[in-house]
Amino acid sequence: VNQKCDFILAVGGLMQDATKKAAAAH
C-alpha cells in the first residue's frame, strides 16, 4: 500500500483476516 501498488494480491485462505484488515483501512 505504501509503495502505491495499483493491485495487491494476497494468496491463500490463511491471509483472509490480514487482507480484510488492510482493505478496511485502505
mmCIF file of all heavy atoms, coordinates in Angstrom:
data_MODEL
# 
_entry.id   MODEL 
# 
loop_
_atom_site.group_PDB 
_atom_site.id 
_atom_site.type_symbol 
_atom_site.label_atom_id 
_atom_site.label_alt_id 
_atom_site.label_comp_id 
_atom_site.label_asym_id 
_atom_site.label_entity_id 
_atom_site.label_seq_id 
_atom_site.pdbx_PDB_ins_code 
_atom_site.Cartn_x 
_atom_site.Cartn_y 
_atom_site.Cartn_z 
_atom_site.occupancy 
_atom_site.B_iso_or_equiv 
_atom_site.pdbx_formal_charge 
_atom_site.auth_seq_id 
_atom_site.auth_comp_id 
_atom_site.auth_asym_id 
_atom_site.auth_atom_id 
_atom_site.pdbx_PDB_model_num 
ATOM 1   N N   . VAL A 1 1  ? 0.857   -1.195  0.000   1.00 0.00 ? 1  VAL A N   1 
ATOM 2   C CA  . VAL A 1 1  ? 0.000   0.000   0.000   1.00 0.00 ? 1  VAL A CA  1 
ATOM 3   C C   . VAL A 1 1  ? 0.891   1.243   0.000   1.00 0.00 ? 1  VAL A C   1 
ATOM 4   O O   . VAL A 1 1  ? 0.677   2.182   -0.781  1.00 0.00 ? 1  VAL A O   1 
ATOM 5   C CB  . VAL A 1 1  ? -0.940  0.026   1.228   1.00 0.00 ? 1  VAL A CB  1 
ATOM 6   C CG1 . VAL A 1 1  ? -1.674  1.361   1.298   1.00 0.00 ? 1  VAL A CG1 1 
ATOM 7   C CG2 . VAL A 1 1  ? -1.947  -1.116  1.168   1.00 0.00 ? 1  VAL A CG2 1 
ATOM 8   N N   . ASN A 1 2  ? 1.903   1.227   0.840   1.00 0.00 ? 2  ASN A N   1 
ATOM 9   C CA  . ASN A 1 2  ? 2.817   2.365   0.944   1.00 0.00 ? 2  ASN A CA  1 
ATOM 10  C C   . ASN A 1 2  ? 3.628   2.578   -0.330  1.00 0.00 ? 2  ASN A C   1 
ATOM 11  O O   . ASN A 1 2  ? 4.029   3.702   -0.644  1.00 0.00 ? 2  ASN A O   1 
ATOM 12  C CB  . ASN A 1 2  ? 3.762   2.183   2.140   1.00 0.00 ? 2  ASN A CB  1 
ATOM 13  C CG  . ASN A 1 2  ? 3.029   2.230   3.476   1.00 0.00 ? 2  ASN A CG  1 
ATOM 14  O OD1 . ASN A 1 2  ? 1.954   2.816   3.569   1.00 0.00 ? 2  ASN A OD1 1 
ATOM 15  N ND2 . ASN A 1 2  ? 3.587   1.580   4.486   1.00 0.00 ? 2  ASN A ND2 1 
ATOM 16  N N   . GLN A 1 3  ? 3.860   1.483   -1.062  1.00 0.00 ? 3  GLN A N   1 
ATOM 17  C CA  . GLN A 1 3  ? 4.570   1.601   -2.348  1.00 0.00 ? 3  GLN A CA  1 
ATOM 18  C C   . GLN A 1 3  ? 3.643   2.044   -3.476  1.00 0.00 ? 3  GLN A C   1 
ATOM 19  O O   . GLN A 1 3  ? 4.064   2.174   -4.618  1.00 0.00 ? 3  GLN A O   1 
ATOM 20  C CB  . GLN A 1 3  ? 5.223   0.257   -2.713  1.00 0.00 ? 3  GLN A CB  1 
ATOM 21  C CG  . GLN A 1 3  ? 6.414   -0.108  -1.851  1.00 0.00 ? 3  GLN A CG  1 
ATOM 22  C CD  . GLN A 1 3  ? 7.053   -1.433  -2.300  1.00 0.00 ? 3  GLN A CD  1 
ATOM 23  O OE1 . GLN A 1 3  ? 7.197   -1.684  -3.489  1.00 0.00 ? 3  GLN A OE1 1 
ATOM 24  N NE2 . GLN A 1 3  ? 7.436   -2.262  -1.339  1.00 0.00 ? 3  GLN A NE2 1 
ATOM 25  N N   . LYS A 1 4  ? 2.361   2.227   -3.119  1.00 0.00 ? 4  LYS A N   1 
ATOM 26  C CA  . LYS A 1 4  ? 1.343   2.679   -4.078  1.00 0.00 ? 4  LYS A CA  1 
ATOM 27  C C   . LYS A 1 4  ? 1.121   1.693   -5.220  1.00 0.00 ? 4  LYS A C   1 
ATOM 28  O O   . LYS A 1 4  ? 0.972   2.073   -6.385  1.00 0.00 ? 4  LYS A O   1 
ATOM 29  C CB  . LYS A 1 4  ? 1.671   4.076   -4.627  1.00 0.00 ? 4  LYS A CB  1 
ATOM 30  C CG  . LYS A 1 4  ? 1.832   5.130   -3.533  1.00 0.00 ? 4  LYS A CG  1 
ATOM 31  C CD  . LYS A 1 4  ? 1.841   6.532   -4.085  1.00 0.00 ? 4  LYS A CD  1 
ATOM 32  C CE  . LYS A 1 4  ? 2.087   7.593   -3.011  1.00 0.00 ? 4  LYS A CE  1 
ATOM 33  N NZ  . LYS A 1 4  ? 1.291   7.422   -1.797  1.00 0.00 ? 4  LYS A NZ  1 
ATOM 34  N N   . CYS A 1 5  ? 1.124   0.409   -4.881  1.00 0.00 ? 5  CYS A N   1 
ATOM 35  C CA  . CYS A 1 5  ? 0.781   -0.609  -5.871  1.00 0.00 ? 5  CYS A CA  1 
ATOM 36  C C   . CYS A 1 5  ? -0.677  -0.428  -6.279  1.00 0.00 ? 5  CYS A C   1 
ATOM 37  O O   . CYS A 1 5  ? -1.537  -0.140  -5.438  1.00 0.00 ? 5  CYS A O   1 
ATOM 38  C CB  . CYS A 1 5  ? 0.958   -2.012  -5.288  1.00 0.00 ? 5  CYS A CB  1 
ATOM 39  S SG  . CYS A 1 5  ? 2.672   -2.490  -5.039  1.00 0.00 ? 5  CYS A SG  1 
ATOM 40  N N   . ASP A 1 6  ? -0.968  -0.605  -7.559  1.00 0.00 ? 6  ASP A N   1 
ATOM 41  C CA  . ASP A 1 6  ? -2.340  -0.441  -8.030  1.00 0.00 ? 6  ASP A CA  1 
ATOM 42  C C   . ASP A 1 6  ? -3.218  -1.618  -7.624  1.00 0.00 ? 6  ASP A C   1 
ATOM 43  O O   . ASP A 1 6  ? -4.385  -1.447  -7.277  1.00 0.00 ? 6  ASP A O   1 
ATOM 44  C CB  . ASP A 1 6  ? -2.351  -0.291  -9.558  1.00 0.00 ? 6  ASP A CB  1 
ATOM 45  C CG  . ASP A 1 6  ? -1.634  0.975   -10.009 1.00 0.00 ? 6  ASP A CG  1 
ATOM 46  O OD1 . ASP A 1 6  ? -2.062  2.066   -9.590  1.00 0.00 ? 6  ASP A OD1 1 
ATOM 47  O OD2 . ASP A 1 6  ? -0.653  0.869   -10.764 1.00 0.00 ? 6  ASP A OD2 1 
ATOM 48  N N   . PHE A 1 7  ? -2.660  -2.815  -7.685  1.00 0.00 ? 7  PHE A N   1 
ATOM 49  C CA  . PHE A 1 7  ? -3.411  -4.036  -7.378  1.00 0.00 ? 7  PHE A CA  1 
ATOM 50  C C   . PHE A 1 7  ? -2.555  -4.866  -6.433  1.00 0.00 ? 7  PHE A C   1 
ATOM 51  O O   . PHE A 1 7  ? -1.394  -5.162  -6.746  1.00 0.00 ? 7  PHE A O   1 
ATOM 52  C CB  . PHE A 1 7  ? -3.685  -4.807  -8.678  1.00 0.00 ? 7  PHE A CB  1 
ATOM 53  C CG  . PHE A 1 7  ? -4.469  -6.089  -8.501  1.00 0.00 ? 7  PHE A CG  1 
ATOM 54  C CD1 . PHE A 1 7  ? -5.846  -6.115  -8.663  1.00 0.00 ? 7  PHE A CD1 1 
ATOM 55  C CD2 . PHE A 1 7  ? -3.818  -7.285  -8.205  1.00 0.00 ? 7  PHE A CD2 1 
ATOM 56  C CE1 . PHE A 1 7  ? -6.568  -7.301  -8.528  1.00 0.00 ? 7  PHE A CE1 1 
ATOM 57  C CE2 . PHE A 1 7  ? -4.526  -8.477  -8.059  1.00 0.00 ? 7  PHE A CE2 1 
ATOM 58  C CZ  . PHE A 1 7  ? -5.904  -8.479  -8.225  1.00 0.00 ? 7  PHE A CZ  1 
ATOM 59  N N   . ILE A 1 8  ? -3.098  -5.226  -5.281  1.00 0.00 ? 8  ILE A N   1 
ATOM 60  C CA  . ILE A 1 8  ? -2.347  -6.016  -4.306  1.00 0.00 ? 8  ILE A CA  1 
ATOM 61  C C   . ILE A 1 8  ? -3.042  -7.367  -4.143  1.00 0.00 ? 8  ILE A C   1 
ATOM 62  O O   . ILE A 1 8  ? -4.206  -7.433  -3.751  1.00 0.00 ? 8  ILE A O   1 
ATOM 63  C CB  . ILE A 1 8  ? -2.246  -5.301  -2.950  1.00 0.00 ? 8  ILE A CB  1 
ATOM 64  C CG1 . ILE A 1 8  ? -1.540  -3.947  -3.122  1.00 0.00 ? 8  ILE A CG1 1 
ATOM 65  C CG2 . ILE A 1 8  ? -1.508  -6.170  -1.936  1.00 0.00 ? 8  ILE A CG2 1 
ATOM 66  C CD1 . ILE A 1 8  ? -1.524  -3.096  -1.866  1.00 0.00 ? 8  ILE A CD1 1 
ATOM 67  N N   . LEU A 1 9  ? -2.298  -8.430  -4.452  1.00 0.00 ? 9  LEU A N   1 
ATOM 68  C CA  . LEU A 1 9  ? -2.858  -9.771  -4.414  1.00 0.00 ? 9  LEU A CA  1 
ATOM 69  C C   . LEU A 1 9  ? -2.353  -10.544 -3.199  1.00 0.00 ? 9  LEU A C   1 
ATOM 70  O O   . LEU A 1 9  ? -1.153  -10.686 -2.988  1.00 0.00 ? 9  LEU A O   1 
ATOM 71  C CB  . LEU A 1 9  ? -2.453  -10.534 -5.690  1.00 0.00 ? 9  LEU A CB  1 
ATOM 72  C CG  . LEU A 1 9  ? -2.925  -11.986 -5.796  1.00 0.00 ? 9  LEU A CG  1 
ATOM 73  C CD1 . LEU A 1 9  ? -4.451  -12.060 -5.874  1.00 0.00 ? 9  LEU A CD1 1 
ATOM 74  C CD2 . LEU A 1 9  ? -2.300  -12.674 -7.012  1.00 0.00 ? 9  LEU A CD2 1 
ATOM 75  N N   . ALA A 1 10 ? -3.288  -11.035 -2.411  1.00 0.00 ? 10 ALA A N   1 
ATOM 76  C CA  . ALA A 1 10 ? -2.965  -11.908 -1.278  1.00 0.00 ? 10 ALA A CA  1 
ATOM 77  C C   . ALA A 1 10 ? -3.255  -13.339 -1.702  1.00 0.00 ? 10 ALA A C   1 
ATOM 78  O O   . ALA A 1 10 ? -4.241  -13.604 -2.383  1.00 0.00 ? 10 ALA A O   1 
ATOM 79  C CB  . ALA A 1 10 ? -3.817  -11.533 -0.067  1.00 0.00 ? 10 ALA A CB  1 
ATOM 80  N N   . VAL A 1 11 ? -2.399  -14.263 -1.291  1.00 0.00 ? 11 VAL A N   1 
ATOM 81  C CA  . VAL A 1 11 ? -2.552  -15.645 -1.746  1.00 0.00 ? 11 VAL A CA  1 
ATOM 82  C C   . VAL A 1 11 ? -2.804  -16.589 -0.572  1.00 0.00 ? 11 VAL A C   1 
ATOM 83  O O   . VAL A 1 11 ? -1.973  -16.718 0.319   1.00 0.00 ? 11 VAL A O   1 
ATOM 84  C CB  . VAL A 1 11 ? -1.309  -16.106 -2.535  1.00 0.00 ? 11 VAL A CB  1 
ATOM 85  C CG1 . VAL A 1 11 ? -1.553  -17.500 -3.115  1.00 0.00 ? 11 VAL A CG1 1 
ATOM 86  C CG2 . VAL A 1 11 ? -0.986  -15.129 -3.655  1.00 0.00 ? 11 VAL A CG2 1 
ATOM 87  N N   . GLY A 1 12 ? -3.960  -17.231 -0.594  1.00 0.00 ? 12 GLY A N   1 
ATOM 88  C CA  . GLY A 1 12 ? -4.238  -18.268 0.387   1.00 0.00 ? 12 GLY A CA  1 
ATOM 89  C C   . GLY A 1 12 ? -5.232  -17.873 1.463   1.00 0.00 ? 12 GLY A C   1 
ATOM 90  O O   . GLY A 1 12 ? -5.297  -16.711 1.885   1.00 0.00 ? 12 GLY A O   1 
ATOM 91  N N   . GLY A 1 13 ? -6.003  -18.859 1.909   1.00 0.00 ? 13 GLY A N   1 
ATOM 92  C CA  . GLY A 1 13 ? -7.011  -18.633 2.926   1.00 0.00 ? 13 GLY A CA  1 
ATOM 93  C C   . GLY A 1 13 ? -6.451  -18.147 4.246   1.00 0.00 ? 13 GLY A C   1 
ATOM 94  O O   . GLY A 1 13 ? -7.139  -17.454 5.010   1.00 0.00 ? 13 GLY A O   1 
ATOM 95  N N   . LEU A 1 14 ? -5.185  -18.478 4.527   1.00 0.00 ? 14 LEU A N   1 
ATOM 96  C CA  . LEU A 1 14 ? -4.572  -18.032 5.782   1.00 0.00 ? 14 LEU A CA  1 
ATOM 97  C C   . LEU A 1 14 ? -4.420  -16.509 5.828   1.00 0.00 ? 14 LEU A C   1 
ATOM 98  O O   . LEU A 1 14 ? -4.237  -15.932 6.898   1.00 0.00 ? 14 LEU A O   1 
ATOM 99  C CB  . LEU A 1 14 ? -3.190  -18.679 5.959   1.00 0.00 ? 14 LEU A CB  1 
ATOM 100 C CG  . LEU A 1 14 ? -3.160  -20.193 6.164   1.00 0.00 ? 14 LEU A CG  1 
ATOM 101 C CD1 . LEU A 1 14 ? -1.725  -20.695 6.207   1.00 0.00 ? 14 LEU A CD1 1 
ATOM 102 C CD2 . LEU A 1 14 ? -3.897  -20.587 7.442   1.00 0.00 ? 14 LEU A CD2 1 
ATOM 103 N N   . MET A 1 15 ? -4.509  -15.873 4.651   1.00 0.00 ? 15 MET A N   1 
ATOM 104 C CA  . MET A 1 15 ? -4.317  -14.417 4.598   1.00 0.00 ? 15 MET A CA  1 
ATOM 105 C C   . MET A 1 15 ? -5.622  -13.632 4.678   1.00 0.00 ? 15 MET A C   1 
ATOM 106 O O   . MET A 1 15 ? -5.620  -12.406 4.595   1.00 0.00 ? 15 MET A O   1 
ATOM 107 C CB  . MET A 1 15 ? -3.567  -14.042 3.311   1.00 0.00 ? 15 MET A CB  1 
ATOM 108 C CG  . MET A 1 15 ? -2.137  -14.546 3.279   1.00 0.00 ? 15 MET A CG  1 
ATOM 109 S SD  . MET A 1 15 ? -1.158  -13.772 1.974   1.00 0.00 ? 15 MET A SD  1 
ATOM 110 C CE  . MET A 1 15 ? -1.068  -12.097 2.588   1.00 0.00 ? 15 MET A CE  1 
ATOM 111 N N   . GLN A 1 16 ? -6.739  -14.324 4.849   1.00 0.00 ? 16 GLN A N   1 
ATOM 112 C CA  . GLN A 1 16 ? -8.031  -13.628 4.805   1.00 0.00 ? 16 GLN A CA  1 
ATOM 113 C C   . GLN A 1 16 ? -8.149  -12.511 5.840   1.00 0.00 ? 16 GLN A C   1 
ATOM 114 O O   . GLN A 1 16 ? -8.546  -11.388 5.509   1.00 0.00 ? 16 GLN A O   1 
ATOM 115 C CB  . GLN A 1 16 ? -9.185  -14.621 4.994   1.00 0.00 ? 16 GLN A CB  1 
ATOM 116 C CG  . GLN A 1 16 ? -10.548 -13.927 5.064   1.00 0.00 ? 16 GLN A CG  1 
ATOM 117 C CD  . GLN A 1 16 ? -11.707 -14.888 4.939   1.00 0.00 ? 16 GLN A CD  1 
ATOM 118 O OE1 . GLN A 1 16 ? -11.790 -15.631 3.985   1.00 0.00 ? 16 GLN A OE1 1 
ATOM 119 N NE2 . GLN A 1 16 ? -12.616 -14.867 5.912   1.00 0.00 ? 16 GLN A NE2 1 
ATOM 120 N N   . ASP A 1 17 ? -7.831  -12.801 7.091   1.00 0.00 ? 17 ASP A N   1 
ATOM 121 C CA  . ASP A 1 17 ? -8.016  -11.800 8.151   1.00 0.00 ? 17 ASP A CA  1 
ATOM 122 C C   . ASP A 1 17 ? -7.122  -10.580 7.945   1.00 0.00 ? 17 ASP A C   1 
ATOM 123 O O   . ASP A 1 17 ? -7.561  -9.437  8.095   1.00 0.00 ? 17 ASP A O   1 
ATOM 124 C CB  . ASP A 1 17 ? -7.752  -12.418 9.524   1.00 0.00 ? 17 ASP A CB  1 
ATOM 125 C CG  . ASP A 1 17 ? -8.818  -13.446 9.917   1.00 0.00 ? 17 ASP A CG  1 
ATOM 126 O OD1 . ASP A 1 17 ? -9.891  -13.451 9.273   1.00 0.00 ? 17 ASP A OD1 1 
ATOM 127 O OD2 . ASP A 1 17 ? -8.570  -14.237 10.849  1.00 0.00 ? 17 ASP A OD2 1 
ATOM 128 N N   . ALA A 1 18 ? -5.863  -10.829 7.603   1.00 0.00 ? 18 ALA A N   1 
ATOM 129 C CA  . ALA A 1 18 ? -4.929  -9.717  7.382   1.00 0.00 ? 18 ALA A CA  1 
ATOM 130 C C   . ALA A 1 18 ? -5.368  -8.871  6.190   1.00 0.00 ? 18 ALA A C   1 
ATOM 131 O O   . ALA A 1 18 ? -5.274  -7.632  6.214   1.00 0.00 ? 18 ALA A O   1 
ATOM 132 C CB  . ALA A 1 18 ? -3.519  -10.256 7.151   1.00 0.00 ? 18 ALA A CB  1 
ATOM 133 N N   . THR A 1 19 ? -5.866  -9.527  5.144   1.00 0.00 ? 19 THR A N   1 
ATOM 134 C CA  . THR A 1 19 ? -6.314  -8.800  3.951   1.00 0.00 ? 19 THR A CA  1 
ATOM 135 C C   . THR A 1 19 ? -7.551  -7.972  4.263   1.00 0.00 ? 19 THR A C   1 
ATOM 136 O O   . THR A 1 19 ? -7.675  -6.824  3.824   1.00 0.00 ? 19 THR A O   1 
ATOM 137 C CB  . THR A 1 19 ? -6.609  -9.799  2.811   1.00 0.00 ? 19 THR A CB  1 
ATOM 138 O OG1 . THR A 1 19 ? -5.452  -10.601 2.574   1.00 0.00 ? 19 THR A OG1 1 
ATOM 139 C CG2 . THR A 1 19 ? -6.972  -9.075  1.532   1.00 0.00 ? 19 THR A CG2 1 
ATOM 140 N N   . LYS A 1 20 ? -8.460  -8.553  5.007   1.00 0.00 ? 20 LYS A N   1 
ATOM 141 C CA  . LYS A 1 20 ? -9.680  -7.833  5.385   1.00 0.00 ? 20 LYS A CA  1 
ATOM 142 C C   . LYS A 1 20 ? -9.331  -6.573  6.183   1.00 0.00 ? 20 LYS A C   1 
ATOM 143 O O   . LYS A 1 20 ? -9.883  -5.493  5.947   1.00 0.00 ? 20 LYS A O   1 
ATOM 144 C CB  . LYS A 1 20 ? -10.582 -8.751  6.213   1.00 0.00 ? 20 LYS A CB  1 
ATOM 145 C CG  . LYS A 1 20 ? -11.926 -8.129  6.585   1.00 0.00 ? 20 LYS A CG  1 
ATOM 146 C CD  . LYS A 1 20 ? -12.819 -9.160  7.264   1.00 0.00 ? 20 LYS A CD  1 
ATOM 147 C CE  . LYS A 1 20 ? -14.202 -8.570  7.535   1.00 0.00 ? 20 LYS A CE  1 
ATOM 148 N NZ  . LYS A 1 20 ? -15.111 -9.593  8.131   1.00 0.00 ? 20 LYS A NZ  1 
ATOM 149 N N   . LYS A 1 21 ? -8.389  -6.714  7.091   1.00 0.00 ? 21 LYS A N   1 
ATOM 150 C CA  . LYS A 1 21 ? -7.984  -5.578  7.933   1.00 0.00 ? 21 LYS A CA  1 
ATOM 151 C C   . LYS A 1 21 ? -7.309  -4.494  7.101   1.00 0.00 ? 21 LYS A C   1 
ATOM 152 O O   . LYS A 1 21 ? -7.616  -3.300  7.231   1.00 0.00 ? 21 LYS A O   1 
ATOM 153 C CB  . LYS A 1 21 ? -7.041  -6.074  9.039   1.00 0.00 ? 21 LYS A CB  1 
ATOM 154 C CG  . LYS A 1 21 ? -6.721  -5.029  10.103  1.00 0.00 ? 21 LYS A CG  1 
ATOM 155 C CD  . LYS A 1 21 ? -5.941  -5.662  11.253  1.00 0.00 ? 21 LYS A CD  1 
ATOM 156 C CE  . LYS A 1 21 ? -5.579  -4.610  12.304  1.00 0.00 ? 21 LYS A CE  1 
ATOM 157 N NZ  . LYS A 1 21 ? -4.779  -5.207  13.406  1.00 0.00 ? 21 LYS A NZ  1 
ATOM 158 N N   . ALA A 1 22 ? -6.400  -4.899  6.219   1.00 0.00 ? 22 ALA A N   1 
ATOM 159 C CA  . ALA A 1 22 ? -5.689  -3.934  5.376   1.00 0.00 ? 22 ALA A CA  1 
ATOM 160 C C   . ALA A 1 22 ? -6.651  -3.239  4.415   1.00 0.00 ? 22 ALA A C   1 
ATOM 161 O O   . ALA A 1 22 ? -6.557  -2.026  4.188   1.00 0.00 ? 22 ALA A O   1 
ATOM 162 C CB  . ALA A 1 22 ? -4.576  -4.634  4.595   1.00 0.00 ? 22 ALA A CB  1 
ATOM 163 N N   . ALA A 1 23 ? -7.582  -3.993  3.872   1.00 0.00 ? 23 ALA A N   1 
ATOM 164 C CA  . ALA A 1 23 ? -8.546  -3.428  2.921   1.00 0.00 ? 23 ALA A CA  1 
ATOM 165 C C   . ALA A 1 23 ? -9.493  -2.442  3.596   1.00 0.00 ? 23 ALA A C   1 
ATOM 166 O O   . ALA A 1 23 ? -9.830  -1.395  3.035   1.00 0.00 ? 23 ALA A O   1 
ATOM 167 C CB  . ALA A 1 23 ? -9.338  -4.543  2.253   1.00 0.00 ? 23 ALA A CB  1 
ATOM 168 N N   . ALA A 1 24 ? -9.910  -2.780  4.812   1.00 0.00 ? 24 ALA A N   1 
ATOM 169 C CA  . ALA A 1 24 ? -10.799 -1.881  5.547   1.00 0.00 ? 24 ALA A CA  1 
ATOM 170 C C   . ALA A 1 24 ? -10.090 -0.572  5.889   1.00 0.00 ? 24 ALA A C   1 
ATOM 171 O O   . ALA A 1 24 ? -10.699 0.508   5.884   1.00 0.00 ? 24 ALA A O   1 
ATOM 172 C CB  . ALA A 1 24 ? -11.289 -2.568  6.819   1.00 0.00 ? 24 ALA A CB  1 
ATOM 173 N N   . ALA A 1 25 ? -8.784  -0.658  6.151   1.00 0.00 ? 25 ALA A N   1 
ATOM 174 C CA  . ALA A 1 25 ? -8.012  0.543   6.490   1.00 0.00 ? 25 ALA A CA  1 
ATOM 175 C C   . ALA A 1 25 ? -7.704  1.397   5.266   1.00 0.00 ? 25 ALA A C   1 
ATOM 176 O O   . ALA A 1 25 ? -7.406  2.592   5.388   1.00 0.00 ? 25 ALA A O   1 
ATOM 177 C CB  . ALA A 1 25 ? -6.711  0.139   7.185   1.00 0.00 ? 25 ALA A CB  1 
ATOM 178 N N   . HIS A 1 26 ? -7.773  0.782   4.082   1.00 0.00 ? 26 HIS A N   1 
ATOM 179 C CA  . HIS A 1 26 ? -7.445  1.495   2.837   1.00 0.00 ? 26 HIS A CA  1 
ATOM 180 C C   . HIS A 1 26 ? -8.535  1.225   1.796   1.00 0.00 ? 26 HIS A C   1 
ATOM 181 O O   . HIS A 1 26 ? -8.326  0.497   0.825   1.00 0.00 ? 26 HIS A O   1 
ATOM 182 C CB  . HIS A 1 26 ? -6.081  1.038   2.310   1.00 0.00 ? 26 HIS A CB  1 
ATOM 183 C CG  . HIS A 1 26 ? -4.967  1.176   3.304   1.00 0.00 ? 26 HIS A CG  1 
ATOM 184 N ND1 . HIS A 1 26 ? -4.352  2.379   3.589   1.00 0.00 ? 26 HIS A ND1 1 
ATOM 185 C CD2 . HIS A 1 26 ? -4.369  0.250   4.103   1.00 0.00 ? 26 HIS A CD2 1 
ATOM 186 C CE1 . HIS A 1 26 ? -3.418  2.200   4.509   1.00 0.00 ? 26 HIS A CE1 1 
ATOM 187 N NE2 . HIS A 1 26 ? -3.408  0.913   4.839   1.00 0.00 ? 26 HIS A NE2 1 
# 
